PDB file of all heavy atoms in Angstrom:
ATOM      1  N   LEU A   1     110.418 116.792  86.392  1.00  0.00           N
ATOM      2  CA  LEU A   1     109.521 117.800  86.692  1.00  0.00           C
ATOM      3  C   LEU A   1     109.507 118.329  88.132  1.00  0.00           C
ATOM      4  O   LEU A   1     109.379 119.468  88.334  1.00  0.00           O
ATOM      5  CB  LEU A   1     108.081 117.362  86.162  1.00  0.00           C
ATOM      6  CG  LEU A   1     107.606 117.467  84.784  1.00  0.00           C
ATOM      7  CD1 LEU A   1     106.430 116.861  84.453  1.00  0.00           C
ATOM      8  CD2 LEU A   1     107.784 118.873  84.414  1.00  0.00           C
ATOM      9  N   ARG A   2     109.693 117.314  89.073  1.00  0.00           N
ATOM     10  CA  ARG A   2     109.762 117.694  90.412  1.00  0.00           C
ATOM     11  C   ARG A   2     110.927 118.575  90.702  1.00  0.00           C
ATOM     12  O   ARG A   2     110.877 119.530  91.435  1.00  0.00           O
ATOM     13  CB  ARG A   2     109.757 116.341  91.308  1.00  0.00           C
ATOM     14  CG  ARG A   2     109.673 116.592  92.824  1.00  0.00           C
ATOM     15  CD  ARG A   2     109.468 115.306  93.505  1.00  0.00           C
ATOM     16  NE  ARG A   2     108.145 114.902  93.309  1.00  0.00           N
ATOM     17  CZ  ARG A   2     107.123 115.020  94.230  1.00  0.00           C
ATOM     18  NH1 ARG A   2     107.336 115.929  95.126  1.00  0.00           N
ATOM     19  NH2 ARG A   2     105.805 114.606  93.997  1.00  0.00           N
ATOM     20  N   ALA A   3     112.052 118.227  90.092  1.00  0.00           N
ATOM     21  CA  ALA A   3     113.303 119.060  90.220  1.00  0.00           C
ATOM     22  C   ALA A   3     113.034 120.526  89.752  1.00  0.00           C
ATOM     23  O   ALA A   3     113.396 121.450  90.336  1.00  0.00           O
ATOM     24  CB  ALA A   3     114.532 118.368  89.642  1.00  0.00           C
ATOM     25  N   ILE A   4     112.379 120.552  88.555  1.00  0.00           N
ATOM     26  CA  ILE A   4     112.093 121.874  87.976  1.00  0.00           C
ATOM     27  C   ILE A   4     111.089 122.598  88.893  1.00  0.00           C
ATOM     28  O   ILE A   4     111.212 123.793  89.140  1.00  0.00           O
ATOM     29  CB  ILE A   4     111.391 121.669  86.613  1.00  0.00           C
ATOM     30  CG1 ILE A   4     112.434 121.093  85.619  1.00  0.00           C
ATOM     31  CG2 ILE A   4     110.962 123.031  86.012  1.00  0.00           C
ATOM     32  CD1 ILE A   4     111.891 120.707  84.265  1.00  0.00           C
ATOM     33  N   ALA A   5     110.164 121.924  89.414  1.00  0.00           N
ATOM     34  CA  ALA A   5     109.147 122.598  90.372  1.00  0.00           C
ATOM     35  C   ALA A   5     109.774 123.235  91.570  1.00  0.00           C
ATOM     36  O   ALA A   5     109.602 124.310  91.959  1.00  0.00           O
ATOM     37  CB  ALA A   5     108.052 121.629  90.776  1.00  0.00           C
ATOM     38  N   VAL A   6     110.772 122.551  92.095  1.00  0.00           N
ATOM     39  CA  VAL A   6     111.513 123.092  93.277  1.00  0.00           C
ATOM     40  C   VAL A   6     112.280 124.243  92.854  1.00  0.00           C
ATOM     41  O   VAL A   6     112.406 125.236  93.675  1.00  0.00           O
ATOM     42  CB  VAL A   6     112.442 121.950  93.872  1.00  0.00           C
ATOM     43  CG1 VAL A   6     113.285 122.590  94.964  1.00  0.00           C
ATOM     44  CG2 VAL A   6     111.487 120.790  94.372  1.00  0.00           C
ATOM     45  N   SER A   7     112.981 124.168  91.639  1.00  0.00           N
ATOM     46  CA  SER A   7     113.760 125.378  91.150  1.00  0.00           C
ATOM     47  C   SER A   7     112.854 126.565  90.938  1.00  0.00           C
ATOM     48  O   SER A   7     113.247 127.565  91.090  1.00  0.00           O
ATOM     49  CB  SER A   7     114.523 124.892  89.985  1.00  0.00           C
ATOM     50  OG  SER A   7     115.222 126.044  89.409  1.00  0.00           O
ATOM     51  N   LEU A   8     111.591 126.332  90.581  1.00  0.00           N
ATOM     52  CA  LEU A   8     110.699 127.395  90.273  1.00  0.00           C
ATOM     53  C   LEU A   8     110.005 128.056  91.517  1.00  0.00           C
ATOM     54  O   LEU A   8     109.341 128.897  91.450  1.00  0.00           O
ATOM     55  CB  LEU A   8     109.640 126.956  89.255  1.00  0.00           C
ATOM     56  CG  LEU A   8     109.899 126.669  87.836  1.00  0.00           C
ATOM     57  CD1 LEU A   8     108.778 126.256  87.041  1.00  0.00           C
ATOM     58  CD2 LEU A   8     110.614 127.870  87.185  1.00  0.00           C
ATOM     59  N   GLY A   9     110.347 127.372  92.577  1.00  0.00           N
ATOM     60  CA  GLY A   9     109.821 127.781  93.802  1.00  0.00           C
ATOM     61  C   GLY A   9     108.230 127.215  94.054  1.00  0.00           C
ATOM     62  O   GLY A   9     107.488 127.933  94.825  1.00  0.00           O
ATOM     63  N   LEU A  10     107.937 126.227  93.378  1.00  0.00           N
ATOM     64  CA  LEU A  10     106.629 125.595  93.503  1.00  0.00           C
ATOM     65  C   LEU A  10     106.695 124.457  94.426  1.00  0.00           C
ATOM     66  O   LEU A  10     107.701 123.894  94.499  1.00  0.00           O
ATOM     67  CB  LEU A  10     106.076 125.199  92.056  1.00  0.00           C
ATOM     68  CG  LEU A  10     105.898 126.338  91.020  1.00  0.00           C
ATOM     69  CD1 LEU A  10     105.618 125.785  89.702  1.00  0.00           C
ATOM     70  CD2 LEU A  10     104.726 127.256  91.563  1.00  0.00           C
ATOM     71  N   PRO A  11     105.553 124.094  95.095  1.00  0.00           N
ATOM     72  CA  PRO A  11     105.540 122.864  95.886  1.00  0.00           C
ATOM     73  C   PRO A  11     105.798 121.626  95.010  1.00  0.00           C
ATOM     74  O   PRO A  11     105.472 121.517  93.869  1.00  0.00           O
ATOM     75  CB  PRO A  11     104.196 122.861  96.453  1.00  0.00           C
ATOM     76  CG  PRO A  11     103.328 123.769  95.614  1.00  0.00           C
ATOM     77  CD  PRO A  11     104.256 124.766  95.003  1.00  0.00           C
ATOM     78  N   GLY A  12     106.409 120.569  95.533  1.00  0.00           N
ATOM     79  CA  GLY A  12     106.753 119.477  94.753  1.00  0.00           C
ATOM     80  C   GLY A  12     105.586 118.712  94.217  1.00  0.00           C
ATOM     81  O   GLY A  12     105.549 118.162  93.137  1.00  0.00           O
ATOM     82  N   TRP A  13     104.414 118.797  94.868  1.00  0.00           N
ATOM     83  CA  TRP A  13     103.153 118.100  94.366  1.00  0.00           C
ATOM     84  C   TRP A  13     102.751 118.797  93.021  1.00  0.00           C
ATOM     85  O   TRP A  13     101.874 118.058  92.346  1.00  0.00           O
ATOM     86  CB  TRP A  13     102.021 118.103  95.412  1.00  0.00           C
ATOM     87  CG  TRP A  13     101.608 119.538  95.885  1.00  0.00           C
ATOM     88  CD1 TRP A  13     102.165 120.100  97.149  1.00  0.00           C
ATOM     89  CD2 TRP A  13     100.829 120.420  95.196  1.00  0.00           C
ATOM     90  NE1 TRP A  13     101.521 121.223  97.189  1.00  0.00           N
ATOM     91  CE2 TRP A  13     100.664 121.542  96.086  1.00  0.00           C
ATOM     92  CE3 TRP A  13     100.153 120.469  94.062  1.00  0.00           C
ATOM     93  CZ2 TRP A  13     100.055 122.680  95.823  1.00  0.00           C
ATOM     94  CZ3 TRP A  13      99.366 121.536  93.725  1.00  0.00           C
ATOM     95  CH2 TRP A  13      99.395 122.607  94.595  1.00  0.00           C
ATOM     96  N   SER A  14     103.067 119.983  92.766  1.00  0.00           N
ATOM     97  CA  SER A  14     102.647 120.527  91.532  1.00  0.00           C
ATOM     98  C   SER A  14     103.088 119.770  90.305  1.00  0.00           C
ATOM     99  O   SER A  14     102.503 119.823  89.249  1.00  0.00           O
ATOM    100  CB  SER A  14     102.971 122.019  91.500  1.00  0.00           C
ATOM    101  OG  SER A  14     104.462 122.127  91.483  1.00  0.00           O
ATOM    102  N   ALA A  15     104.228 119.147  90.414  1.00  0.00           N
ATOM    103  CA  ALA A  15     104.885 118.374  89.237  1.00  0.00           C
ATOM    104  C   ALA A  15     103.814 117.191  89.025  1.00  0.00           C
ATOM    105  O   ALA A  15     103.693 116.778  87.806  1.00  0.00           O
ATOM    106  CB  ALA A  15     106.232 117.846  89.629  1.00  0.00           C
ATOM    107  N   ASP A  16     103.405 116.551  90.012  1.00  0.00           N
ATOM    108  CA  ASP A  16     102.380 115.514  89.791  1.00  0.00           C
ATOM    109  C   ASP A  16     100.990 115.979  89.214  1.00  0.00           C
ATOM    110  O   ASP A  16     100.270 115.243  88.791  1.00  0.00           O
ATOM    111  CB  ASP A  16     102.129 114.638  91.152  1.00  0.00           C
ATOM    112  CG  ASP A  16     103.504 114.120  91.701  1.00  0.00           C
ATOM    113  OD1 ASP A  16     104.478 113.816  90.902  1.00  0.00           O
ATOM    114  OD2 ASP A  16     103.667 114.153  92.842  1.00  0.00           O
ATOM    115  N   HIS A  17     100.781 117.155  89.458  1.00  0.00           N
ATOM    116  CA  HIS A  17      99.490 117.735  89.006  1.00  0.00           C
ATOM    117  C   HIS A  17      99.478 118.152  87.636  1.00  0.00           C
ATOM    118  O   HIS A  17      98.354 118.453  87.080  1.00  0.00           O
ATOM    119  CB  HIS A  17      99.167 119.048  89.946  1.00  0.00           C
ATOM    120  CG  HIS A  17      97.717 119.494  89.883  1.00  0.00           C
ATOM    121  ND1 HIS A  17      96.701 118.873  90.523  1.00  0.00           N
ATOM    122  CD2 HIS A  17      97.209 120.558  89.239  1.00  0.00           C
ATOM    123  CE1 HIS A  17      95.598 119.439  90.213  1.00  0.00           C
ATOM    124  NE2 HIS A  17      95.839 120.488  89.364  1.00  0.00           N
ATOM    125  N   VAL A  18     100.612 118.245  86.977  1.00  0.00           N
ATOM    126  CA  VAL A  18     100.631 118.671  85.457  1.00  0.00           C
ATOM    127  C   VAL A  18      99.869 117.802  84.689  1.00  0.00           C
ATOM    128  O   VAL A  18      99.097 118.369  83.773  1.00  0.00           O
ATOM    129  CB  VAL A  18     102.097 118.836  85.050  1.00  0.00           C
ATOM    130  CG1 VAL A  18     102.238 119.080  83.496  1.00  0.00           C
ATOM    131  CG2 VAL A  18     102.987 119.837  85.820  1.00  0.00           C
ATOM    132  N   ALA A  19     100.024 116.581  84.747  1.00  0.00           N
ATOM    133  CA  ALA A  19      99.194 115.682  83.869  1.00  0.00           C
ATOM    134  C   ALA A  19      97.691 115.857  83.912  1.00  0.00           C
ATOM    135  O   ALA A  19      96.954 115.747  83.024  1.00  0.00           O
ATOM    136  CB  ALA A  19      99.642 114.154  84.188  1.00  0.00           C
ATOM    137  N   ARG A  20      97.135 116.104  85.268  1.00  0.00           N
ATOM    138  CA  ARG A  20      95.767 116.324  85.407  1.00  0.00           C
ATOM    139  C   ARG A  20      95.313 117.609  84.762  1.00  0.00           C
ATOM    140  O   ARG A  20      94.214 117.648  84.170  1.00  0.00           O
ATOM    141  CB  ARG A  20      95.374 116.326  86.844  1.00  0.00           C
ATOM    142  CG  ARG A  20      95.538 114.957  87.528  1.00  0.00           C
ATOM    143  CD  ARG A  20      94.832 114.956  88.932  1.00  0.00           C
ATOM    144  NE  ARG A  20      95.675 115.709  89.939  1.00  0.00           N
ATOM    145  CZ  ARG A  20      96.646 115.287  90.623  1.00  0.00           C
ATOM    146  NH1 ARG A  20      97.016 114.032  90.525  1.00  0.00           N
ATOM    147  NH2 ARG A  20      97.226 116.060  91.438  1.00  0.00           N
ATOM    148  N   VAL A  21      96.165 118.630  84.722  1.00  0.00           N
ATOM    149  CA  VAL A  21      95.800 119.976  84.078  1.00  0.00           C
ATOM    150  C   VAL A  21      95.653 119.772  82.537  1.00  0.00           C
ATOM    151  O   VAL A  21      94.709 120.304  81.982  1.00  0.00           O
ATOM    152  CB  VAL A  21      96.861 120.942  84.376  1.00  0.00           C
ATOM    153  CG1 VAL A  21      96.592 122.209  83.639  1.00  0.00           C
ATOM    154  CG2 VAL A  21      96.922 121.252  85.892  1.00  0.00           C
ATOM    155  N   PHE A  22      96.450 118.891  81.907  1.00  0.00           N
ATOM    156  CA  PHE A  22      96.404 118.788  80.488  1.00  0.00           C
ATOM    157  C   PHE A  22      95.478 117.650  79.953  1.00  0.00           C
ATOM    158  O   PHE A  22      95.464 117.278  78.815  1.00  0.00           O
ATOM    159  CB  PHE A  22      97.813 118.518  79.997  1.00  0.00           C
ATOM    160  CG  PHE A  22      98.734 119.689  80.120  1.00  0.00           C
ATOM    161  CD1 PHE A  22      99.593 119.917  81.131  1.00  0.00           C
ATOM    162  CD2 PHE A  22      98.546 120.842  79.116  1.00  0.00           C
ATOM    163  CE1 PHE A  22     100.423 120.958  81.285  1.00  0.00           C
ATOM    164  CE2 PHE A  22      99.364 122.059  79.402  1.00  0.00           C
ATOM    165  CZ  PHE A  22     100.285 122.013  80.319  1.00  0.00           C
ATOM    166  N   VAL A  23      94.676 116.960  80.977  1.00  0.00           N
ATOM    167  CA  VAL A  23      93.792 115.817  80.466  1.00  0.00           C
ATOM    168  C   VAL A  23      92.705 116.528  79.469  1.00  0.00           C
ATOM    169  O   VAL A  23      92.220 117.571  79.776  1.00  0.00           O
ATOM    170  CB  VAL A  23      93.163 115.235  81.759  1.00  0.00           C
ATOM    171  CG1 VAL A  23      91.975 114.436  81.296  1.00  0.00           C
ATOM    172  CG2 VAL A  23      94.109 114.431  82.493  1.00  0.00           C
ATOM    173  N   GLY A  24      92.582 115.748  78.365  1.00  0.00           N
ATOM    174  CA  GLY A  24      91.598 116.127  77.477  1.00  0.00           C
ATOM    175  C   GLY A  24      91.972 117.321  76.411  1.00  0.00           C
ATOM    176  O   GLY A  24      91.229 117.609  75.669  1.00  0.00           O
ATOM    177  N   THR A  25      93.275 117.628  76.500  1.00  0.00           N
ATOM    178  CA  THR A  25      93.732 118.655  75.509  1.00  0.00           C
ATOM    179  C   THR A  25      94.506 117.846  74.328  1.00  0.00           C
ATOM    180  O   THR A  25      94.890 116.872  74.547  1.00  0.00           O
ATOM    181  CB  THR A  25      94.755 119.586  76.195  1.00  0.00           C
ATOM    182  OG1 THR A  25      95.786 119.017  76.764  1.00  0.00           O
ATOM    183  CG2 THR A  25      93.962 120.430  77.380  1.00  0.00           C
ATOM    184  N   ASP A  26      94.632 118.720  73.315  1.00  0.00           N
ATOM    185  CA  ASP A  26      95.368 118.043  72.138  1.00  0.00           C
ATOM    186  C   ASP A  26      96.897 118.360  72.426  1.00  0.00           C
ATOM    187  O   ASP A  26      97.280 119.576  72.449  1.00  0.00           O
ATOM    188  CB  ASP A  26      95.053 118.865  70.838  1.00  0.00           C
ATOM    189  CG  ASP A  26      95.588 118.297  69.650  1.00  0.00           C
ATOM    190  OD1 ASP A  26      96.669 117.649  69.849  1.00  0.00           O
ATOM    191  OD2 ASP A  26      95.006 118.355  68.507  1.00  0.00           O
ATOM    192  N   LEU A  27      97.545 117.331  72.697  1.00  0.00           N
ATOM    193  CA  LEU A  27      99.039 117.573  73.209  1.00  0.00           C
ATOM    194  C   LEU A  27      99.805 118.204  72.058  1.00  0.00           C
ATOM    195  O   LEU A  27     100.785 118.895  72.435  1.00  0.00           O
ATOM    196  CB  LEU A  27      99.556 116.199  73.642  1.00  0.00           C
ATOM    197  CG  LEU A  27      98.860 115.455  74.831  1.00  0.00           C
ATOM    198  CD1 LEU A  27      99.656 114.134  75.104  1.00  0.00           C
ATOM    199  CD2 LEU A  27      98.938 116.386  76.066  1.00  0.00           C
ATOM    200  N   ARG A  28      99.491 117.941  70.875  1.00  0.00           N
ATOM    201  CA  ARG A  28     100.335 118.477  69.848  1.00  0.00           C
ATOM    202  C   ARG A  28     100.103 119.969  69.777  1.00  0.00           C
ATOM    203  O   ARG A  28     101.023 120.680  69.594  1.00  0.00           O
ATOM    204  CB  ARG A  28      99.859 117.738  68.501  1.00  0.00           C
ATOM    205  CG  ARG A  28     100.851 118.288  67.250  1.00  0.00           C
ATOM    206  CD  ARG A  28     100.736 117.498  66.040  1.00  0.00           C
ATOM    207  NE  ARG A  28     101.762 117.929  65.192  1.00  0.00           N
ATOM    208  CZ  ARG A  28     102.960 117.624  65.069  1.00  0.00           C
ATOM    209  NH1 ARG A  28     103.355 116.860  65.958  1.00  0.00           N
ATOM    210  NH2 ARG A  28     103.751 118.062  64.094  1.00  0.00           N
ATOM    211  N   VAL A  29      98.839 120.459  69.977  1.00  0.00           N
ATOM    212  CA  VAL A  29      98.596 121.862  69.988  1.00  0.00           C
ATOM    213  C   VAL A  29      99.289 122.579  71.145  1.00  0.00           C
ATOM    214  O   VAL A  29      99.853 123.652  71.021  1.00  0.00           O
ATOM    215  CB  VAL A  29      97.045 122.194  70.103  1.00  0.00           C
ATOM    216  CG1 VAL A  29      96.735 123.593  70.186  1.00  0.00           C
ATOM    217  CG2 VAL A  29      96.388 121.628  68.748  1.00  0.00           C
ATOM    218  N   VAL A  30      99.271 121.831  72.280  1.00  0.00           N
ATOM    219  CA  VAL A  30      99.895 122.496  73.542  1.00  0.00           C
ATOM    220  C   VAL A  30     101.459 122.501  73.322  1.00  0.00           C
ATOM    221  O   VAL A  30     102.099 123.575  73.644  1.00  0.00           O
ATOM    222  CB  VAL A  30      99.559 121.548  74.713  1.00  0.00           C
ATOM    223  CG1 VAL A  30     100.389 122.112  75.958  1.00  0.00           C
ATOM    224  CG2 VAL A  30      98.013 121.795  74.969  1.00  0.00           C
ATOM    225  N   SER A  31     102.043 121.396  72.763  1.00  0.00           N
ATOM    226  CA  SER A  31     103.397 121.390  72.534  1.00  0.00           C
ATOM    227  C   SER A  31     103.950 122.452  71.587  1.00  0.00           C
ATOM    228  O   SER A  31     104.897 122.972  71.607  1.00  0.00           O
ATOM    229  CB  SER A  31     103.955 119.916  72.230  1.00  0.00           C
ATOM    230  OG  SER A  31     103.317 119.654  71.129  1.00  0.00           O
TER     231      SER A  31
END
């Protein structure tokens, strides 16, 4: 995810933030 973030032009820390964004959601619905 960190390599994807850099390729997207996002800061590297945003890759570590993804899990916090999806906390409490139904992972199957999101996927």
